[in-house]
């Protein structure tokens, strides 16, 4: 499994705590694994909760009407990269 960067690990911790994923350890989330579907198994409600948590923690707005959402939420690594890019802008 690829190693998480510090930013990815922080986001993984936020994901686990904000979605109450008691059976998942943040360090065990593969940064390239799909967040939705078979790998981590998140659903659309989880996406809304995660978007709110990201907004509160990082000040980055994740809008439901963004055409890039499928790419942004494709993996922990993609979401972390998007957050870092938005924070730098």
Protein backbone atom coordinates (compact mmCIF):
# COMPACT_ATOMS: atom_id res chain seq x y z
CA UNK A 1 0.00 0.00 0.00
CA UNK A 2 1.35 3.46 -0.86
CA UNK A 3 2.29 5.64 2.07
CA UNK A 4 0.15 8.60 3.04
CA UNK A 5 1.68 12.07 3.04
CA UNK A 6 1.21 14.06 6.26
CA UNK A 7 -1.62 16.04 4.61
CA UNK A 8 -3.31 12.82 3.45
CA UNK A 9 -3.01 11.32 6.93
CA UNK A 10 -4.58 14.42 8.50
CA UNK A 11 -7.43 14.20 5.99
CA UNK A 12 -7.81 10.46 6.64
CA UNK A 13 -8.15 11.20 10.37
CA UNK A 14 -10.81 13.80 9.59
CA UNK A 15 -12.62 11.31 7.35
CA UNK A 16 -12.63 8.59 10.03
CA UNK A 17 -13.76 10.88 12.85
CA UNK A 18 -16.33 12.94 10.92
CA UNK A 19 -17.97 9.86 9.40
CA UNK A 20 -17.71 7.74 12.57
CA UNK A 21 -15.85 4.96 10.77
CA UNK A 22 -15.02 3.08 13.95
CA UNK A 23 -13.89 -0.03 12.06
CA UNK A 24 -11.38 1.91 9.92
CA UNK A 25 -7.99 3.22 11.02
CA UNK A 26 -6.84 6.41 9.29
CA UNK A 27 -3.37 4.98 8.71
CA UNK A 28 -4.87 1.95 6.94
CA UNK A 29 -6.65 3.97 4.23
CA UNK A 30 -4.87 3.49 0.93
CA UNK A 31 -4.45 7.01 -0.46
CA UNK A 32 -5.14 5.74 -3.99
CA UNK A 33 -8.18 3.59 -3.12
CA UNK A 34 -11.65 4.70 -4.20
CA UNK A 35 -13.52 6.54 -1.46
CA UNK A 36 -16.88 5.52 -2.88
CA UNK A 37 -18.00 2.08 -3.95
CA UNK A 38 -16.10 -1.10 -3.22
CA UNK A 39 -12.92 0.15 -1.54
CA UNK A 40 -13.96 2.41 1.35
CA UNK A 41 -17.67 2.14 0.62
CA UNK A 42 -18.78 5.72 1.24
CA UNK A 43 -22.11 6.96 -0.12
CA UNK A 44 -23.65 10.30 -1.09
CA UNK A 45 -24.62 11.17 2.50
CA UNK A 46 -21.01 10.54 3.52
CA UNK A 47 -19.91 12.92 0.74
CA UNK A 48 -22.08 15.67 2.18
CA UNK A 49 -20.78 15.11 5.70
CA UNK A 50 -17.19 14.97 4.48
CA UNK A 51 -17.68 18.18 2.48
CA UNK A 52 -18.93 19.94 5.61
CA UNK A 53 -16.01 18.64 7.69
CA UNK A 54 -13.50 19.74 5.03
CA UNK A 55 -15.12 23.18 4.88
CA UNK A 56 -14.94 23.57 8.65
CA UNK A 57 -11.38 22.27 9.01
CA UNK A 58 -9.71 23.71 5.92
CA UNK A 59 -12.00 26.54 4.81
CA UNK A 60 -12.37 24.93 1.38
CA UNK A 61 -15.85 24.83 -0.14
CA UNK A 62 -16.76 21.60 -1.96
CA UNK A 63 -19.86 22.32 -3.99
CA UNK A 64 -22.31 19.64 -5.06
CA UNK A 65 -22.66 21.21 -8.52
CA UNK A 66 -18.92 21.07 -9.31
CA UNK A 67 -18.44 19.05 -12.50
CA UNK A 68 -15.06 17.82 -11.18
CA UNK A 69 -16.50 16.18 -8.04
CA UNK A 70 -16.06 12.67 -9.40
CA UNK A 71 -12.35 13.36 -9.84
CA UNK A 72 -11.99 15.35 -6.59
CA UNK A 73 -13.62 12.61 -4.49
CA UNK A 74 -12.03 9.71 -6.37
CA UNK A 75 -9.49 8.97 -3.64
CA UNK A 76 -7.95 10.31 -0.47
CA UNK A 77 -4.95 11.47 -2.51
CA UNK A 78 -7.12 13.34 -5.04
CA UNK A 79 -9.19 15.03 -2.34
CA UNK A 80 -6.08 16.02 -0.38
CA UNK A 81 -4.46 17.46 -3.53
CA UNK A 82 -7.61 19.45 -4.31
CA UNK A 83 -7.72 20.87 -0.77
CA UNK A 84 -4.05 21.85 -0.90
CA UNK A 85 -4.55 23.48 -4.31
CA UNK A 86 -7.56 25.48 -3.11
CA UNK A 87 -5.81 26.60 0.06
CA UNK A 88 -2.83 27.84 -1.97
CA UNK A 89 -5.02 29.81 -4.38
